[in-house]
N, C-alpha and C. Protein backbone atom coordinates (compact mmCIF):
# COMPACT_ATOMS: atom_id res chain seq x y z
N UNK A 1 8.28 -6.27 -8.44
CA UNK A 1 8.50 -4.96 -7.86
C UNK A 1 9.66 -5.00 -6.88
N UNK A 2 9.69 -6.02 -6.03
CA UNK A 2 10.77 -6.15 -5.05
C UNK A 2 12.11 -6.38 -5.76
N UNK A 3 12.09 -7.25 -6.75
CA UNK A 3 13.31 -7.54 -7.50
C UNK A 3 13.82 -6.30 -8.23
N UNK A 4 12.90 -5.54 -8.82
CA UNK A 4 13.27 -4.33 -9.54
C UNK A 4 13.89 -3.32 -8.59
N UNK A 5 13.27 -3.12 -7.46
CA UNK A 5 13.80 -2.18 -6.45
C UNK A 5 15.19 -2.62 -6.00
N UNK A 6 15.34 -3.90 -5.72
CA UNK A 6 16.62 -4.41 -5.25
C UNK A 6 17.71 -4.24 -6.31
N UNK A 7 17.35 -4.43 -7.57
CA UNK A 7 18.33 -4.34 -8.67
C UNK A 7 18.66 -2.92 -9.08
N UNK A 8 17.64 -2.07 -9.18
CA UNK A 8 17.83 -0.76 -9.80
C UNK A 8 17.78 0.43 -8.85
N UNK A 9 17.25 0.24 -7.67
CA UNK A 9 17.14 1.36 -6.72
C UNK A 9 17.59 0.94 -5.32
N UNK A 10 18.75 0.33 -5.19
CA UNK A 10 19.13 -0.22 -3.88
C UNK A 10 19.35 0.84 -2.80
N UNK A 11 19.53 2.10 -3.18
CA UNK A 11 19.77 3.14 -2.18
C UNK A 11 18.53 3.98 -1.87
N UNK A 12 17.43 3.71 -2.55
CA UNK A 12 16.19 4.45 -2.26
C UNK A 12 15.71 4.07 -0.86
N UNK A 13 15.29 5.03 -0.07
CA UNK A 13 14.90 4.71 1.32
C UNK A 13 13.52 4.08 1.46
N UNK A 14 12.65 4.26 0.48
CA UNK A 14 11.28 3.75 0.56
C UNK A 14 10.85 3.22 -0.81
N UNK A 15 9.86 2.35 -0.76
CA UNK A 15 9.23 1.83 -1.98
C UNK A 15 7.73 2.04 -1.84
N UNK A 16 7.15 2.76 -2.79
CA UNK A 16 5.70 2.94 -2.83
C UNK A 16 5.15 2.02 -3.90
N UNK A 17 4.29 1.11 -3.48
CA UNK A 17 3.56 0.28 -4.44
C UNK A 17 2.22 0.95 -4.64
N UNK A 18 1.84 1.18 -5.89
CA UNK A 18 0.58 1.84 -6.17
C UNK A 18 -0.03 1.31 -7.46
N UNK A 19 -1.33 1.28 -7.51
CA UNK A 19 -2.05 0.90 -8.71
C UNK A 19 -2.19 2.10 -9.64
N UNK A 20 -2.58 1.84 -10.87
CA UNK A 20 -2.69 2.93 -11.85
C UNK A 20 -3.91 3.81 -11.65
N UNK A 21 -4.85 3.39 -10.81
CA UNK A 21 -6.02 4.23 -10.56
C UNK A 21 -5.93 4.97 -9.23
N UNK A 22 -4.71 5.21 -8.80
CA UNK A 22 -4.47 5.93 -7.55
C UNK A 22 -3.97 7.34 -7.85
N UNK A 23 -4.44 8.29 -7.06
CA UNK A 23 -3.87 9.62 -7.07
C UNK A 23 -2.89 9.67 -5.91
N UNK A 24 -1.65 9.99 -6.19
CA UNK A 24 -0.63 10.09 -5.15
C UNK A 24 -0.30 11.56 -4.93
N UNK A 25 -0.51 12.01 -3.72
CA UNK A 25 -0.18 13.38 -3.32
C UNK A 25 1.31 13.35 -2.95
N UNK A 26 2.15 13.63 -3.92
CA UNK A 26 3.59 13.49 -3.73
C UNK A 26 4.14 14.37 -2.61
N UNK A 27 3.75 15.65 -2.51
CA UNK A 27 4.26 16.43 -1.38
C UNK A 27 3.89 15.82 -0.02
N UNK A 28 2.67 15.33 0.09
CA UNK A 28 2.22 14.71 1.35
C UNK A 28 2.95 13.39 1.58
N UNK A 29 3.19 12.63 0.53
CA UNK A 29 3.95 11.38 0.63
C UNK A 29 5.36 11.65 1.15
N UNK A 30 6.01 12.65 0.62
CA UNK A 30 7.37 12.99 1.07
C UNK A 30 7.37 13.44 2.52
N UNK A 31 6.36 14.21 2.91
CA UNK A 31 6.22 14.65 4.30
C UNK A 31 5.99 13.44 5.22
N UNK A 32 5.10 12.54 4.79
CA UNK A 32 4.80 11.32 5.54
C UNK A 32 6.06 10.49 5.74
N UNK A 33 6.81 10.29 4.67
CA UNK A 33 8.04 9.48 4.74
C UNK A 33 9.09 10.15 5.62
N UNK A 34 9.24 11.46 5.49
CA UNK A 34 10.25 12.18 6.28
C UNK A 34 9.95 12.09 7.78
N UNK A 35 8.68 12.12 8.14
CA UNK A 35 8.29 12.02 9.55
C UNK A 35 8.58 10.65 10.13
N UNK A 36 8.84 9.68 9.26
CA UNK A 36 9.10 8.30 9.69
C UNK A 36 10.46 7.81 9.20
N UNK A 37 11.36 8.75 9.03
CA UNK A 37 12.67 8.46 8.43
C UNK A 37 13.47 7.41 9.20
N UNK A 38 13.27 7.30 10.50
CA UNK A 38 14.05 6.36 11.30
C UNK A 38 13.42 4.98 11.43
N UNK A 39 12.24 4.81 10.87
CA UNK A 39 11.55 3.52 10.95
C UNK A 39 12.25 2.50 10.05
N UNK A 40 12.27 1.27 10.52
CA UNK A 40 12.85 0.17 9.74
C UNK A 40 11.85 -0.99 9.70
N UNK A 41 12.03 -1.84 8.71
CA UNK A 41 11.22 -3.06 8.56
C UNK A 41 9.74 -2.79 8.82
N UNK A 42 9.19 -1.84 8.06
CA UNK A 42 7.82 -1.39 8.27
C UNK A 42 7.10 -1.20 6.94
N UNK A 43 5.81 -1.51 6.95
CA UNK A 43 4.92 -1.25 5.82
C UNK A 43 3.78 -0.40 6.34
N UNK A 44 3.47 0.70 5.62
CA UNK A 44 2.35 1.57 5.98
C UNK A 44 1.29 1.51 4.90
N UNK A 45 0.05 1.63 5.31
CA UNK A 45 -1.06 1.68 4.37
C UNK A 45 -2.36 1.46 5.10
N UNK A 46 -3.36 1.07 4.33
CA UNK A 46 -4.66 0.68 4.92
C UNK A 46 -4.51 -0.77 5.32
N UNK A 47 -4.38 -1.01 6.61
CA UNK A 47 -4.13 -2.36 7.12
C UNK A 47 -5.46 -3.04 7.44
N UNK A 48 -5.62 -4.23 6.90
CA UNK A 48 -6.80 -5.04 7.15
C UNK A 48 -6.41 -6.13 8.15
N UNK A 49 -7.22 -6.27 9.17
CA UNK A 49 -6.96 -7.26 10.21
C UNK A 49 -8.05 -8.32 10.21
N UNK A 50 -7.62 -9.55 10.42
CA UNK A 50 -8.53 -10.70 10.57
C UNK A 50 -9.47 -10.86 9.38
N UNK A 51 -8.94 -10.69 8.18
CA UNK A 51 -9.73 -10.85 6.96
C UNK A 51 -9.86 -12.34 6.61
N UNK A 52 -11.05 -12.72 6.23
CA UNK A 52 -11.30 -14.11 5.86
C UNK A 52 -11.10 -14.28 4.36
N UNK A 53 -10.46 -15.36 3.93
CA UNK A 53 -10.32 -15.61 2.49
C UNK A 53 -11.70 -15.80 1.85
N UNK A 54 -11.86 -15.28 0.65
CA UNK A 54 -13.11 -15.47 -0.09
C UNK A 54 -13.08 -16.88 -0.69
N UNK A 55 -14.07 -17.66 -0.35
CA UNK A 55 -14.11 -19.06 -0.81
C UNK A 55 -15.15 -19.30 -1.90
N UNK A 56 -15.85 -18.25 -2.31
CA UNK A 56 -16.81 -18.41 -3.40
C UNK A 56 -16.11 -18.15 -4.73
N UNK A 57 -16.27 -19.07 -5.67
CA UNK A 57 -15.55 -18.98 -6.95
C UNK A 57 -15.98 -17.78 -7.78
N UNK A 58 -17.09 -17.16 -7.47
CA UNK A 58 -17.55 -15.99 -8.23
C UNK A 58 -16.84 -14.71 -7.79
N UNK A 59 -16.13 -14.75 -6.70
CA UNK A 59 -15.46 -13.55 -6.20
C UNK A 59 -14.16 -13.28 -6.96
N UNK A 60 -13.92 -12.02 -7.23
CA UNK A 60 -12.65 -11.58 -7.83
C UNK A 60 -11.47 -11.96 -6.93
N UNK A 61 -11.74 -12.06 -5.64
CA UNK A 61 -10.70 -12.33 -4.66
C UNK A 61 -10.72 -13.79 -4.16
N UNK A 62 -11.31 -14.65 -4.95
CA UNK A 62 -11.40 -16.07 -4.59
C UNK A 62 -10.02 -16.66 -4.33
N UNK A 63 -9.92 -17.38 -3.22
CA UNK A 63 -8.69 -18.09 -2.86
C UNK A 63 -9.08 -19.53 -2.53
N UNK A 64 -8.63 -20.48 -3.34
CA UNK A 64 -8.95 -21.88 -3.04
C UNK A 64 -8.24 -22.35 -1.77
N UNK A 65 -8.87 -23.25 -1.02
CA UNK A 65 -8.24 -23.75 0.21
C UNK A 65 -6.87 -24.37 -0.02
N UNK A 66 -6.63 -24.94 -1.21
CA UNK A 66 -5.31 -25.51 -1.49
C UNK A 66 -4.24 -24.42 -1.56
N UNK A 67 -4.61 -23.23 -2.01
CA UNK A 67 -3.65 -22.14 -2.12
C UNK A 67 -3.39 -21.49 -0.76
N UNK A 68 -4.44 -21.38 0.05
CA UNK A 68 -4.29 -20.85 1.40
C UNK A 68 -5.25 -21.62 2.30
N UNK A 69 -4.72 -22.60 3.03
CA UNK A 69 -5.61 -23.44 3.85
C UNK A 69 -6.07 -22.77 5.15
N UNK A 70 -5.46 -21.67 5.53
CA UNK A 70 -5.83 -21.02 6.79
C UNK A 70 -7.23 -20.44 6.75
N UNK A 71 -7.76 -20.17 7.92
CA UNK A 71 -9.11 -19.60 8.03
C UNK A 71 -9.08 -18.07 8.01
N UNK A 72 -7.96 -17.47 8.40
CA UNK A 72 -7.84 -16.01 8.49
C UNK A 72 -6.50 -15.60 7.90
N UNK A 73 -6.52 -14.56 7.05
CA UNK A 73 -5.27 -14.03 6.52
C UNK A 73 -4.51 -13.30 7.63
N UNK A 74 -3.18 -13.28 7.53
CA UNK A 74 -2.43 -12.41 8.44
C UNK A 74 -2.78 -10.95 8.11
N UNK A 75 -2.58 -10.05 9.05
CA UNK A 75 -2.81 -8.63 8.79
C UNK A 75 -2.02 -8.24 7.54
N UNK A 76 -2.64 -7.40 6.68
CA UNK A 76 -1.96 -6.99 5.46
C UNK A 76 -2.38 -5.58 5.08
N UNK A 77 -1.52 -4.90 4.32
CA UNK A 77 -1.82 -3.58 3.78
C UNK A 77 -2.48 -3.77 2.42
N UNK A 78 -3.62 -3.13 2.22
CA UNK A 78 -4.36 -3.34 0.97
C UNK A 78 -3.57 -2.84 -0.23
N UNK A 79 -3.79 -3.50 -1.35
CA UNK A 79 -3.00 -3.34 -2.55
C UNK A 79 -3.05 -2.05 -3.33
N UNK A 80 -4.10 -1.24 -3.24
CA UNK A 80 -4.06 -0.03 -4.07
C UNK A 80 -2.83 0.84 -3.84
N UNK A 81 -2.37 0.94 -2.60
CA UNK A 81 -1.14 1.69 -2.32
C UNK A 81 -0.63 1.33 -0.93
N UNK A 82 0.65 1.08 -0.86
CA UNK A 82 1.31 0.93 0.44
C UNK A 82 2.77 1.33 0.29
N UNK A 83 3.36 1.71 1.40
CA UNK A 83 4.74 2.21 1.44
C UNK A 83 5.55 1.30 2.34
N UNK A 84 6.73 0.92 1.89
CA UNK A 84 7.57 0.09 2.75
C UNK A 84 8.99 0.62 2.82
N UNK A 85 9.63 0.33 3.94
CA UNK A 85 11.02 0.73 4.12
C UNK A 85 11.89 -0.16 3.23
N UNK A 86 12.93 0.43 2.70
CA UNK A 86 13.79 -0.29 1.76
C UNK A 86 14.49 -1.48 2.41
N UNK A 87 14.74 -1.42 3.71
CA UNK A 87 15.43 -2.54 4.36
C UNK A 87 14.56 -3.79 4.41
N UNK A 88 13.27 -3.66 4.12
CA UNK A 88 12.38 -4.83 4.08
C UNK A 88 12.38 -5.50 2.71
N UNK A 89 12.85 -4.80 1.68
CA UNK A 89 12.75 -5.30 0.31
C UNK A 89 13.50 -6.61 0.12
N UNK A 90 14.78 -6.63 0.42
CA UNK A 90 15.58 -7.84 0.19
C UNK A 90 15.10 -9.03 1.02
N UNK A 91 14.78 -8.86 2.31
CA UNK A 91 14.24 -9.99 3.07
C UNK A 91 12.91 -10.51 2.50
N UNK A 92 12.01 -9.60 2.10
CA UNK A 92 10.75 -10.02 1.50
C UNK A 92 11.00 -10.79 0.21
N UNK A 93 11.90 -10.27 -0.59
CA UNK A 93 12.26 -10.93 -1.85
C UNK A 93 12.85 -12.31 -1.58
N UNK A 94 13.71 -12.40 -0.60
CA UNK A 94 14.33 -13.68 -0.26
C UNK A 94 13.36 -14.70 0.29
N UNK A 95 12.33 -14.23 0.99
CA UNK A 95 11.35 -15.15 1.59
C UNK A 95 10.32 -15.64 0.59
N UNK A 96 10.15 -14.93 -0.51
CA UNK A 96 9.09 -15.28 -1.47
C UNK A 96 9.20 -16.69 -2.04
N UNK A 97 10.37 -17.13 -2.51
CA UNK A 97 10.43 -18.48 -3.10
C UNK A 97 10.09 -19.61 -2.13
N UNK A 98 10.30 -19.40 -0.85
CA UNK A 98 10.03 -20.44 0.13
C UNK A 98 8.63 -20.36 0.75
N UNK A 99 7.80 -19.47 0.22
CA UNK A 99 6.45 -19.29 0.75
C UNK A 99 5.45 -19.67 -0.33
N UNK A 100 4.48 -20.52 0.00
CA UNK A 100 3.48 -20.88 -1.02
C UNK A 100 2.84 -19.62 -1.61
N UNK A 101 2.82 -19.58 -2.93
CA UNK A 101 2.34 -18.42 -3.67
C UNK A 101 0.85 -18.19 -3.45
N UNK A 102 0.50 -16.93 -3.32
CA UNK A 102 -0.89 -16.51 -3.22
C UNK A 102 -1.07 -15.41 -4.24
N UNK A 103 -2.03 -15.53 -5.13
CA UNK A 103 -2.17 -14.58 -6.24
C UNK A 103 -2.58 -13.19 -5.80
N UNK A 104 -3.07 -13.03 -4.59
CA UNK A 104 -3.40 -11.71 -4.06
C UNK A 104 -2.10 -11.07 -3.57
N UNK A 105 -1.50 -10.24 -4.41
CA UNK A 105 -0.17 -9.68 -4.14
C UNK A 105 -0.08 -8.98 -2.79
N UNK A 106 -1.11 -8.22 -2.43
CA UNK A 106 -1.04 -7.49 -1.17
C UNK A 106 -1.03 -8.44 0.02
N UNK A 107 -1.85 -9.47 -0.02
CA UNK A 107 -1.88 -10.44 1.07
C UNK A 107 -0.57 -11.22 1.11
N UNK A 108 -0.06 -11.58 -0.08
CA UNK A 108 1.19 -12.35 -0.16
C UNK A 108 2.37 -11.55 0.39
N UNK A 109 2.59 -10.34 -0.14
CA UNK A 109 3.77 -9.56 0.23
C UNK A 109 3.65 -8.95 1.62
N UNK A 110 2.55 -8.21 1.86
CA UNK A 110 2.45 -7.46 3.11
C UNK A 110 1.80 -8.27 4.23
N UNK A 111 1.26 -9.43 3.89
CA UNK A 111 0.67 -10.30 4.90
C UNK A 111 1.54 -11.50 5.19
N UNK A 112 1.54 -12.46 4.27
CA UNK A 112 2.26 -13.72 4.51
C UNK A 112 3.76 -13.52 4.68
N UNK A 113 4.39 -12.84 3.71
CA UNK A 113 5.84 -12.65 3.80
C UNK A 113 6.21 -11.75 4.98
N UNK A 114 5.48 -10.65 5.14
CA UNK A 114 5.79 -9.71 6.23
C UNK A 114 5.63 -10.38 7.59
N UNK A 115 4.59 -11.16 7.76
CA UNK A 115 4.40 -11.84 9.04
C UNK A 115 5.53 -12.83 9.29
N UNK A 116 5.90 -13.56 8.27
CA UNK A 116 6.97 -14.54 8.40
C UNK A 116 8.28 -13.89 8.85
N UNK A 117 8.52 -12.66 8.40
CA UNK A 117 9.78 -11.97 8.68
C UNK A 117 9.69 -10.99 9.86
N UNK A 118 8.52 -10.80 10.39
CA UNK A 118 8.37 -9.84 11.48
C UNK A 118 8.38 -8.40 11.02
N UNK A 119 8.01 -8.15 9.76
CA UNK A 119 7.91 -6.78 9.26
C UNK A 119 6.62 -6.19 9.82
N UNK A 120 6.73 -4.99 10.42
CA UNK A 120 5.56 -4.34 11.01
C UNK A 120 4.62 -3.83 9.92
N UNK A 121 3.33 -3.97 10.15
CA UNK A 121 2.31 -3.38 9.29
C UNK A 121 1.64 -2.29 10.10
N UNK A 122 1.76 -1.04 9.66
CA UNK A 122 1.23 0.11 10.39
C UNK A 122 0.07 0.74 9.60
N UNK A 123 -1.05 0.88 10.26
CA UNK A 123 -2.19 1.55 9.64
C UNK A 123 -1.88 3.04 9.51
N UNK A 124 -2.14 3.58 8.35
CA UNK A 124 -1.93 5.01 8.09
C UNK A 124 -3.19 5.56 7.44
N UNK A 125 -3.89 6.40 8.16
CA UNK A 125 -5.16 6.94 7.68
C UNK A 125 -5.00 7.74 6.39
N UNK A 126 -3.80 8.22 6.12
CA UNK A 126 -3.55 9.02 4.91
C UNK A 126 -3.62 8.18 3.63
N UNK A 127 -3.59 6.87 3.76
CA UNK A 127 -3.74 5.97 2.62
C UNK A 127 -5.22 5.62 2.54
N UNK A 128 -5.98 6.44 1.80
CA UNK A 128 -7.41 6.25 1.74
C UNK A 128 -7.76 4.92 1.08
N UNK A 129 -7.08 4.58 0.00
CA UNK A 129 -7.34 3.33 -0.71
C UNK A 129 -8.83 3.12 -0.94
N UNK A 130 -9.53 4.22 -1.10
CA UNK A 130 -10.95 4.21 -1.43
C UNK A 130 -11.24 5.51 -2.16
N UNK A 131 -12.37 5.56 -2.81
CA UNK A 131 -12.76 6.79 -3.48
C UNK A 131 -13.22 7.78 -2.42
N UNK A 132 -12.77 9.02 -2.55
CA UNK A 132 -13.20 10.07 -1.62
C UNK A 132 -13.77 11.23 -2.42
N UNK A 133 -14.53 12.07 -1.74
CA UNK A 133 -15.05 13.26 -2.40
C UNK A 133 -13.88 14.09 -2.89
N UNK A 134 -13.94 14.60 -4.10
CA UNK A 134 -12.80 15.36 -4.64
C UNK A 134 -12.70 16.77 -4.05
N UNK A 135 -12.89 16.89 -2.76
CA UNK A 135 -12.77 18.18 -2.07
C UNK A 135 -11.28 18.48 -1.84
N UNK A 136 -10.87 19.72 -2.02
CA UNK A 136 -9.45 20.04 -1.84
C UNK A 136 -8.86 19.59 -0.50
N UNK A 137 -9.63 19.67 0.57
CA UNK A 137 -9.10 19.27 1.89
C UNK A 137 -8.85 17.77 1.96
N UNK A 138 -9.74 16.99 1.38
CA UNK A 138 -9.53 15.54 1.35
C UNK A 138 -8.28 15.22 0.54
N UNK A 139 -8.10 15.92 -0.55
CA UNK A 139 -6.93 15.69 -1.41
C UNK A 139 -5.66 16.11 -0.68
N UNK A 140 -5.70 17.24 0.03
CA UNK A 140 -4.51 17.73 0.73
C UNK A 140 -4.09 16.81 1.87
N UNK A 141 -5.03 16.19 2.55
CA UNK A 141 -4.72 15.35 3.71
C UNK A 141 -4.21 13.96 3.32
N UNK A 142 -4.63 13.47 2.17
CA UNK A 142 -4.32 12.10 1.80
C UNK A 142 -2.97 11.93 1.14
N UNK A 143 -2.39 10.77 1.32
CA UNK A 143 -1.20 10.37 0.57
C UNK A 143 -1.65 9.68 -0.71
N UNK A 144 -2.67 8.80 -0.59
CA UNK A 144 -3.12 8.00 -1.71
C UNK A 144 -4.65 7.97 -1.74
N UNK A 145 -5.22 8.23 -2.92
CA UNK A 145 -6.66 8.21 -3.10
C UNK A 145 -6.97 7.22 -4.23
N UNK A 146 -7.85 6.29 -3.94
CA UNK A 146 -8.16 5.20 -4.87
C UNK A 146 -9.28 5.58 -5.84
N UNK A 147 -9.34 4.84 -6.93
CA UNK A 147 -10.38 4.94 -7.96
C UNK A 147 -10.43 6.33 -8.60
N UNK A 148 -9.26 6.84 -8.95
CA UNK A 148 -9.18 8.10 -9.67
C UNK A 148 -8.83 7.77 -11.12
N UNK A 149 -9.72 8.13 -12.01
CA UNK A 149 -9.49 7.85 -13.43
C UNK A 149 -8.40 8.78 -13.96
N UNK A 150 -7.79 8.35 -15.04
CA UNK A 150 -6.66 9.11 -15.57
C UNK A 150 -7.06 10.55 -15.89
N UNK A 151 -8.25 10.78 -16.40
CA UNK A 151 -8.67 12.14 -16.76
C UNK A 151 -9.03 12.98 -15.53
N UNK A 152 -9.14 12.37 -14.35
CA UNK A 152 -9.42 13.10 -13.11
C UNK A 152 -8.13 13.52 -12.40
N UNK A 153 -7.01 12.94 -12.78
CA UNK A 153 -5.74 13.20 -12.11
C UNK A 153 -5.38 14.69 -12.12
N UNK A 154 -5.49 15.33 -13.28
CA UNK A 154 -5.12 16.74 -13.40
C UNK A 154 -5.99 17.61 -12.50
N UNK A 155 -7.29 17.33 -12.47
CA UNK A 155 -8.19 18.11 -11.64
C UNK A 155 -7.80 18.02 -10.16
N UNK A 156 -7.43 16.82 -9.71
CA UNK A 156 -7.02 16.67 -8.32
C UNK A 156 -5.71 17.42 -8.05
N UNK A 157 -4.78 17.39 -9.00
CA UNK A 157 -3.54 18.16 -8.83
C UNK A 157 -3.84 19.64 -8.71
N UNK A 158 -4.77 20.11 -9.55
CA UNK A 158 -5.14 21.52 -9.50
C UNK A 158 -5.71 21.88 -8.13
N UNK A 159 -6.59 21.02 -7.61
CA UNK A 159 -7.18 21.27 -6.28
C UNK A 159 -6.12 21.21 -5.19
N UNK A 160 -5.16 20.36 -5.37
CA UNK A 160 -4.10 20.21 -4.38
C UNK A 160 -3.20 21.44 -4.33
N UNK A 161 -2.90 21.98 -5.50
CA UNK A 161 -1.90 23.04 -5.60
C UNK A 161 -2.46 24.44 -5.75
N UNK A 162 -3.79 24.61 -5.73
CA UNK A 162 -4.34 25.93 -6.02
C UNK A 162 -4.04 26.97 -4.92
N UNK A 163 -3.76 26.52 -3.70
CA UNK A 163 -3.41 27.43 -2.61
C UNK A 163 -4.56 28.27 -2.09
N UNK A 164 -5.76 28.09 -2.62
CA UNK A 164 -6.92 28.89 -2.19
C UNK A 164 -7.62 28.31 -0.98
N UNK A 165 -7.61 27.01 -0.88
CA UNK A 165 -8.35 26.36 0.21
C UNK A 165 -7.44 26.15 1.41
N UNK A 166 -7.89 26.62 2.56
CA UNK A 166 -7.15 26.42 3.80
C UNK A 166 -7.88 25.35 4.59
N UNK A 167 -7.20 24.28 4.91
CA UNK A 167 -7.80 23.15 5.60
C UNK A 167 -7.24 23.06 7.01
N UNK A 168 -8.08 22.65 7.95
CA UNK A 168 -7.61 22.40 9.31
C UNK A 168 -6.70 21.20 9.30
N UNK A 169 -5.70 21.19 10.14
CA UNK A 169 -4.74 20.08 10.17
C UNK A 169 -5.36 18.83 10.58
């Protein structure tokens, strides 16, 4: 993702990493990014602090001690969706080969690499990165909503754009 951005979109101001089961509220995303237009070397999303590596082999998130010997991961933005400033892309990309690989992409990129480079990780409540009730107000407030199946995407767009529901800010 970093290499692709660096090669094909070098003038884009932001990079949104998102999974395929995310609903992205594009108007809200653009508003969110515009409000932070002057920020540099920053990653926004659902930031996890002081997370312990899963050491049980039955876990989907298992990390062997040889791959990450530390007891606590650096703060990281969870993988379903996060937004980063474009000026962080090339430094993150450059730091990757010299950093022991961790198969958990979010921890590797937004945790290990970002910490090594001093890239800020900012918690943003608008990145739900969890399933939420499909209420129009929840959809209008969020930038990213997790666990949305492909056939639910249209319904959420309809709720977002119907203009009937007025939500408190």
